[in-house]
Amino acid sequence: MRQYSTAKRRALTDFLKEHSDKQFSVEEITDALMDTGISRKDAIKQTAKELDLPKNVVYDAALNIDE
């Protein structure tokens, strides 16, 4: 389980490092994580943790991705 969490964190940090010259919205970060194969639930949890935001805020933003 710990390796899985590390893989999610690595996916997020790799994405942010690749595009360090840009500012990203919560939706963009969550969508990018989901594109790497991480479930929506885990992408929301990881985004909230990394950005120090409440999960419900990130969840609401993630719902806008599909619209």
PDB file of N, CA and C in Angstrom:
ATOM      1  N   MET A   1       0.823  -1.192   0.000  1.00  0.00           N
ATOM      2  CA  MET A   1       0.000   0.000   0.000  1.00  0.00           C
ATOM      3  C   MET A   1       0.867   1.257   0.000  1.00  0.00           C
ATOM      4  N   ARG A   2       1.950   1.232   0.744  1.00  0.00           N
ATOM      5  CA  ARG A   2       2.828   2.394   0.809  1.00  0.00           C
ATOM      6  C   ARG A   2       3.431   2.717  -0.564  1.00  0.00           C
ATOM      7  N   GLN A   3       3.782   1.678  -1.331  1.00  0.00           N
ATOM      8  CA  GLN A   3       4.340   1.898  -2.665  1.00  0.00           C
ATOM      9  C   GLN A   3       3.323   2.552  -3.573  1.00  0.00           C
ATOM     10  N   TYR A   4       2.054   2.173  -3.421  1.00  0.00           N
ATOM     11  CA  TYR A   4       1.004   2.758  -4.246  1.00  0.00           C
ATOM     12  C   TYR A   4       0.878   4.244  -3.968  1.00  0.00           C
ATOM     13  N   SER A   5       0.904   4.604  -2.681  1.00  0.00           N
ATOM     14  CA  SER A   5       0.822   6.004  -2.296  1.00  0.00           C
ATOM     15  C   SER A   5       2.021   6.777  -2.831  1.00  0.00           C
ATOM     16  N   THR A   6       3.178   6.172  -2.783  1.00  0.00           N
ATOM     17  CA  THR A   6       4.390   6.804  -3.307  1.00  0.00           C
ATOM     18  C   THR A   6       4.283   7.001  -4.813  1.00  0.00           C
ATOM     19  N   ALA A   7       3.701   6.043  -5.511  1.00  0.00           N
ATOM     20  CA  ALA A   7       3.533   6.156  -6.961  1.00  0.00           C
ATOM     21  C   ALA A   7       2.599   7.314  -7.308  1.00  0.00           C
ATOM     22  N   LYS A   8       1.537   7.499  -6.540  1.00  0.00           N
ATOM     23  CA  LYS A   8       0.607   8.607  -6.784  1.00  0.00           C
ATOM     24  C   LYS A   8       1.311   9.936  -6.562  1.00  0.00           C
ATOM     25  N   ARG A   9       2.053   9.993  -5.491  1.00  0.00           N
ATOM     26  CA  ARG A   9       2.773  11.234  -5.175  1.00  0.00           C
ATOM     27  C   ARG A   9       3.799  11.538  -6.267  1.00  0.00           C
ATOM     28  N   ARG A  10       4.491  10.511  -6.729  1.00  0.00           N
ATOM     29  CA  ARG A  10       5.489  10.680  -7.783  1.00  0.00           C
ATOM     30  C   ARG A  10       4.828  11.167  -9.076  1.00  0.00           C
ATOM     31  N   ALA A  11       3.656  10.621  -9.398  1.00  0.00           N
ATOM     32  CA  ALA A  11       2.951  11.045 -10.608  1.00  0.00           C
ATOM     33  C   ALA A  11       2.614  12.530 -10.541  1.00  0.00           C
ATOM     34  N   LEU A  12       2.163  12.978  -9.383  1.00  0.00           N
ATOM     35  CA  LEU A  12       1.828  14.393  -9.228  1.00  0.00           C
ATOM     36  C   LEU A  12       3.077  15.267  -9.296  1.00  0.00           C
ATOM     37  N   THR A  13       4.105  14.907  -8.564  1.00  0.00           N
ATOM     38  CA  THR A  13       5.311  15.742  -8.570  1.00  0.00           C
ATOM     39  C   THR A  13       5.980  15.746  -9.943  1.00  0.00           C
ATOM     40  N   ASP A  14       5.965  14.621 -10.646  1.00  0.00           N
ATOM     41  CA  ASP A  14       6.531  14.587 -11.996  1.00  0.00           C
ATOM     42  C   ASP A  14       5.768  15.519 -12.927  1.00  0.00           C
ATOM     43  N   PHE A  15       4.448  15.478 -12.836  1.00  0.00           N
ATOM     44  CA  PHE A  15       3.630  16.344 -13.676  1.00  0.00           C
ATOM     45  C   PHE A  15       3.919  17.811 -13.383  1.00  0.00           C
ATOM     46  N   LEU A  16       3.979  18.173 -12.116  1.00  0.00           N
ATOM     47  CA  LEU A  16       4.218  19.565 -11.753  1.00  0.00           C
ATOM     48  C   LEU A  16       5.627  20.013 -12.140  1.00  0.00           C
ATOM     49  N   LYS A  17       6.608  19.119 -12.027  1.00  0.00           N
ATOM     50  CA  LYS A  17       7.971  19.465 -12.438  1.00  0.00           C
ATOM     51  C   LYS A  17       8.076  19.657 -13.944  1.00  0.00           C
ATOM     52  N   GLU A  18       7.370  18.816 -14.698  1.00  0.00           N
ATOM     53  CA  GLU A  18       7.377  18.939 -16.161  1.00  0.00           C
ATOM     54  C   GLU A  18       6.875  20.299 -16.605  1.00  0.00           C
ATOM     55  N   HIS A  19       5.919  20.812 -15.875  1.00  0.00           N
ATOM     56  CA  HIS A  19       5.269  22.067 -16.252  1.00  0.00           C
ATOM     57  C   HIS A  19       5.448  23.127 -15.175  1.00  0.00           C
ATOM     58  N   SER A  20       6.642  23.247 -14.666  1.00  0.00           N
ATOM     59  CA  SER A  20       6.900  24.149 -13.538  1.00  0.00           C
ATOM     60  C   SER A  20       6.710  25.625 -13.896  1.00  0.00           C
ATOM     61  N   ASP A  21       6.683  25.933 -15.174  1.00  0.00           N
ATOM     62  CA  ASP A  21       6.514  27.316 -15.589  1.00  0.00           C
ATOM     63  C   ASP A  21       5.051  27.750 -15.609  1.00  0.00           C
ATOM     64  N   LYS A  22       4.129  26.853 -15.280  1.00  0.00           N
ATOM     65  CA  LYS A  22       2.697  27.149 -15.341  1.00  0.00           C
ATOM     66  C   LYS A  22       2.067  27.053 -13.956  1.00  0.00           C
ATOM     67  N   GLN A  23       0.946  27.720 -13.832  1.00  0.00           N
ATOM     68  CA  GLN A  23       0.098  27.587 -12.645  1.00  0.00           C
ATOM     69  C   GLN A  23      -1.078  26.693 -13.045  1.00  0.00           C
ATOM     70  N   PHE A  24      -1.445  25.770 -12.177  1.00  0.00           N
ATOM     71  CA  PHE A  24      -2.513  24.835 -12.506  1.00  0.00           C
ATOM     72  C   PHE A  24      -3.678  24.973 -11.553  1.00  0.00           C
ATOM     73  N   SER A  25      -4.865  24.752 -12.098  1.00  0.00           N
ATOM     74  CA  SER A  25      -6.052  24.734 -11.256  1.00  0.00           C
ATOM     75  C   SER A  25      -6.194  23.350 -10.636  1.00  0.00           C
ATOM     76  N   VAL A  26      -7.049  23.259  -9.656  1.00  0.00           N
ATOM     77  CA  VAL A  26      -7.323  21.975  -9.008  1.00  0.00           C
ATOM     78  C   VAL A  26      -7.847  20.982 -10.040  1.00  0.00           C
ATOM     79  N   GLU A  27      -8.702  21.454 -10.942  1.00  0.00           N
ATOM     80  CA  GLU A  27      -9.264  20.582 -11.974  1.00  0.00           C
ATOM     81  C   GLU A  27      -8.168  20.003 -12.863  1.00  0.00           C
ATOM     82  N   GLU A  28      -7.219  20.844 -13.257  1.00  0.00           N
ATOM     83  CA  GLU A  28      -6.147  20.388 -14.140  1.00  0.00           C
ATOM     84  C   GLU A  28      -5.251  19.357 -13.461  1.00  0.00           C
ATOM     85  N   ILE A  29      -4.942  19.582 -12.200  1.00  0.00           N
ATOM     86  CA  ILE A  29      -4.084  18.635 -11.487  1.00  0.00           C
ATOM     87  C   ILE A  29      -4.800  17.304 -11.302  1.00  0.00           C
ATOM     88  N   THR A  30      -6.063  17.355 -10.886  1.00  0.00           N
ATOM     89  CA  THR A  30      -6.832  16.130 -10.685  1.00  0.00           C
ATOM     90  C   THR A  30      -7.001  15.379 -11.997  1.00  0.00           C
ATOM     91  N   ASP A  31      -7.299  16.098 -13.069  1.00  0.00           N
ATOM     92  CA  ASP A  31      -7.459  15.473 -14.389  1.00  0.00           C
ATOM     93  C   ASP A  31      -6.154  14.837 -14.853  1.00  0.00           C
ATOM     94  N   ALA A  32      -5.041  15.514 -14.629  1.00  0.00           N
ATOM     95  CA  ALA A  32      -3.742  14.959 -15.027  1.00  0.00           C
ATOM     96  C   ALA A  32      -3.434  13.672 -14.263  1.00  0.00           C
ATOM     97  N   LEU A  33      -3.770  13.641 -12.982  1.00  0.00           N
ATOM     98  CA  LEU A  33      -3.557  12.423 -12.205  1.00  0.00           C
ATOM     99  C   LEU A  33      -4.436  11.289 -12.721  1.00  0.00           C
ATOM    100  N   MET A  34      -5.688  11.594 -13.046  1.00  0.00           N
ATOM    101  CA  MET A  34      -6.581  10.557 -13.561  1.00  0.00           C
ATOM    102  C   MET A  34      -6.079  10.040 -14.907  1.00  0.00           C
ATOM    103  N   ASP A  35      -5.460  10.897 -15.686  1.00  0.00           N
ATOM    104  CA  ASP A  35      -4.895  10.473 -16.977  1.00  0.00           C
ATOM    105  C   ASP A  35      -3.746   9.487 -16.805  1.00  0.00           C
ATOM    106  N   THR A  36      -3.115   9.501 -15.640  1.00  0.00           N
ATOM    107  CA  THR A  36      -2.025   8.548 -15.398  1.00  0.00           C
ATOM    108  C   THR A  36      -2.545   7.197 -14.936  1.00  0.00           C
ATOM    109  N   GLY A  37      -3.869   7.067 -14.821  1.00  0.00           N
ATOM    110  CA  GLY A  37      -4.458   5.785 -14.435  1.00  0.00           C
ATOM    111  C   GLY A  37      -4.896   5.714 -12.993  1.00  0.00           C
ATOM    112  N   ILE A  38      -4.751   6.788 -12.276  1.00  0.00           N
ATOM    113  CA  ILE A  38      -5.183   6.828 -10.880  1.00  0.00           C
ATOM    114  C   ILE A  38      -6.691   7.077 -10.855  1.00  0.00           C
ATOM    115  N   SER A  39      -7.384   6.405  -9.959  1.00  0.00           N
ATOM    116  CA  SER A  39      -8.831   6.578  -9.854  1.00  0.00           C
ATOM    117  C   SER A  39      -9.174   8.008  -9.449  1.00  0.00           C
ATOM    118  N   ARG A  40     -10.398   8.399  -9.751  1.00  0.00           N
ATOM    119  CA  ARG A  40     -10.843   9.748  -9.403  1.00  0.00           C
ATOM    120  C   ARG A  40     -10.731   9.969  -7.894  1.00  0.00           C
ATOM    121  N   LYS A  41     -11.152   8.991  -7.115  1.00  0.00           N
ATOM    122  CA  LYS A  41     -11.110   9.099  -5.657  1.00  0.00           C
ATOM    123  C   LYS A  41      -9.687   9.347  -5.167  1.00  0.00           C
ATOM    124  N   ASP A  42      -8.741   8.561  -5.679  1.00  0.00           N
ATOM    125  CA  ASP A  42      -7.355   8.717  -5.260  1.00  0.00           C
ATOM    126  C   ASP A  42      -6.753  10.020  -5.772  1.00  0.00           C
ATOM    127  N   ALA A  43      -7.132  10.438  -6.968  1.00  0.00           N
ATOM    128  CA  ALA A  43      -6.631  11.698  -7.525  1.00  0.00           C
ATOM    129  C   ALA A  43      -7.115  12.873  -6.677  1.00  0.00           C
ATOM    130  N   ILE A  44      -8.372  12.812  -6.252  1.00  0.00           N
ATOM    131  CA  ILE A  44      -8.923  13.871  -5.406  1.00  0.00           C
ATOM    132  C   ILE A  44      -8.201  13.899  -4.069  1.00  0.00           C
ATOM    133  N   LYS A  45      -8.019  12.732  -3.488  1.00  0.00           N
ATOM    134  CA  LYS A  45      -7.359  12.634  -2.186  1.00  0.00           C
ATOM    135  C   LYS A  45      -5.929  13.173  -2.269  1.00  0.00           C
ATOM    136  N   GLN A  46      -5.202  12.791  -3.313  1.00  0.00           N
ATOM    137  CA  GLN A  46      -3.815  13.212  -3.468  1.00  0.00           C
ATOM    138  C   GLN A  46      -3.710  14.716  -3.740  1.00  0.00           C
ATOM    139  N   THR A  47      -4.597  15.231  -4.583  1.00  0.00           N
ATOM    140  CA  THR A  47      -4.587  16.663  -4.883  1.00  0.00           C
ATOM    141  C   THR A  47      -4.871  17.470  -3.624  1.00  0.00           C
ATOM    142  N   ALA A  48      -5.858  17.048  -2.863  1.00  0.00           N
ATOM    143  CA  ALA A  48      -6.205  17.748  -1.623  1.00  0.00           C
ATOM    144  C   ALA A  48      -5.037  17.749  -0.648  1.00  0.00           C
ATOM    145  N   LYS A  49      -4.383  16.613  -0.552  1.00  0.00           N
ATOM    146  CA  LYS A  49      -3.256  16.502   0.378  1.00  0.00           C
ATOM    147  C   LYS A  49      -2.098  17.396  -0.053  1.00  0.00           C
ATOM    148  N   GLU A  50      -1.748  17.341  -1.321  1.00  0.00           N
ATOM    149  CA  GLU A  50      -0.599  18.109  -1.809  1.00  0.00           C
ATOM    150  C   GLU A  50      -0.841  19.609  -1.778  1.00  0.00           C
ATOM    151  N   LEU A  51      -2.078  20.032  -2.042  1.00  0.00           N
ATOM    152  CA  LEU A  51      -2.384  21.462  -2.075  1.00  0.00           C
ATOM    153  C   LEU A  51      -2.915  21.972  -0.742  1.00  0.00           C
ATOM    154  N   ASP A  52      -3.018  21.073   0.240  1.00  0.00           N
ATOM    155  CA  ASP A  52      -3.520  21.423   1.567  1.00  0.00           C
ATOM    156  C   ASP A  52      -4.901  22.067   1.478  1.00  0.00           C
ATOM    157  N   LEU A  53      -5.793  21.394   0.744  1.00  0.00           N
ATOM    158  CA  LEU A  53      -7.168  21.843   0.586  1.00  0.00           C
ATOM    159  C   LEU A  53      -8.110  20.788   1.152  1.00  0.00           C
ATOM    160  N   PRO A  54      -9.314  21.193   1.555  1.00  0.00           N
ATOM    161  CA  PRO A  54     -10.300  20.189   1.977  1.00  0.00           C
ATOM    162  C   PRO A  54     -10.702  19.308   0.795  1.00  0.00           C
ATOM    163  N   LYS A  55     -10.907  18.028   1.064  1.00  0.00           N
ATOM    164  CA  LYS A  55     -11.261  17.105  -0.021  1.00  0.00           C
ATOM    165  C   LYS A  55     -12.564  17.493  -0.699  1.00  0.00           C
ATOM    166  N   ASN A  56     -13.524  18.054   0.044  1.00  0.00           N
ATOM    167  CA  ASN A  56     -14.791  18.408  -0.584  1.00  0.00           C
ATOM    168  C   ASN A  56     -14.630  19.520  -1.621  1.00  0.00           C
ATOM    169  N   VAL A  57     -13.679  20.403  -1.408  1.00  0.00           N
ATOM    170  CA  VAL A  57     -13.407  21.461  -2.390  1.00  0.00           C
ATOM    171  C   VAL A  57     -12.830  20.851  -3.668  1.00  0.00           C
ATOM    172  N   VAL A  58     -11.890  19.943  -3.507  1.00  0.00           N
ATOM    173  CA  VAL A  58     -11.279  19.287  -4.661  1.00  0.00           C
ATOM    174  C   VAL A  58     -12.303  18.403  -5.367  1.00  0.00           C
ATOM    175  N   TYR A  59     -13.149  17.723  -4.592  1.00  0.00           N
ATOM    176  CA  TYR A  59     -14.186  16.871  -5.172  1.00  0.00           C
ATOM    177  C   TYR A  59     -15.137  17.695  -6.037  1.00  0.00           C
ATOM    178  N   ASP A  60     -15.586  18.847  -5.526  1.00  0.00           N
ATOM    179  CA  ASP A  60     -16.469  19.716  -6.304  1.00  0.00           C
ATOM    180  C   ASP A  60     -15.794  20.160  -7.603  1.00  0.00           C
ATOM    181  N   ALA A  61     -14.525  20.483  -7.522  1.00  0.00           N
ATOM    182  CA  ALA A  61     -13.794  20.890  -8.718  1.00  0.00           C
ATOM    183  C   ALA A  61     -13.652  19.723  -9.697  1.00  0.00           C
ATOM    184  N   ALA A  62     -13.427  18.522  -9.172  1.00  0.00           N
ATOM    185  CA  ALA A  62     -13.270  17.346 -10.028  1.00  0.00           C
ATOM    186  C   ALA A  62     -14.563  17.001 -10.748  1.00  0.00           C
ATOM    187  N   LEU A  63     -15.686  17.300 -10.147  1.00  0.00           N
ATOM    188  CA  LEU A  63     -16.970  17.044 -10.813  1.00  0.00           C
ATOM    189  C   LEU A  63     -17.111  17.897 -12.062  1.00  0.00           C
ATOM    190  N   ASN A  64     -16.470  19.048 -12.075  1.00  0.00           N
ATOM    191  CA  ASN A  64     -16.528  19.939 -13.236  1.00  0.00           C
ATOM    192  C   ASN A  64     -15.710  19.407 -14.424  1.00  0.00           C
ATOM    193  N   ILE A  65     -14.833  18.457 -14.181  1.00  0.00           N
ATOM    194  CA  ILE A  65     -13.987  17.926 -15.252  1.00  0.00           C
ATOM    195  C   ILE A  65     -14.816  17.244 -16.318  1.00  0.00           C
ATOM    196  N   ASP A  66     -15.840  16.487 -15.895  1.00  0.00           N
ATOM    197  CA  ASP A  66     -16.647  15.724 -16.843  1.00  0.00           C
ATOM    198  C   ASP A  66     -17.710  16.555 -17.540  1.00  0.00           C
ATOM    199  N   GLU A  67     -17.961  17.758 -17.050  1.00  0.00           N
ATOM    200  CA  GLU A  67     -19.017  18.578 -17.641  1.00  0.00           C
ATOM    201  C   GLU A  67     -18.560  19.314 -18.860  1.00  0.00           C
TER     202      GLU A  67
END
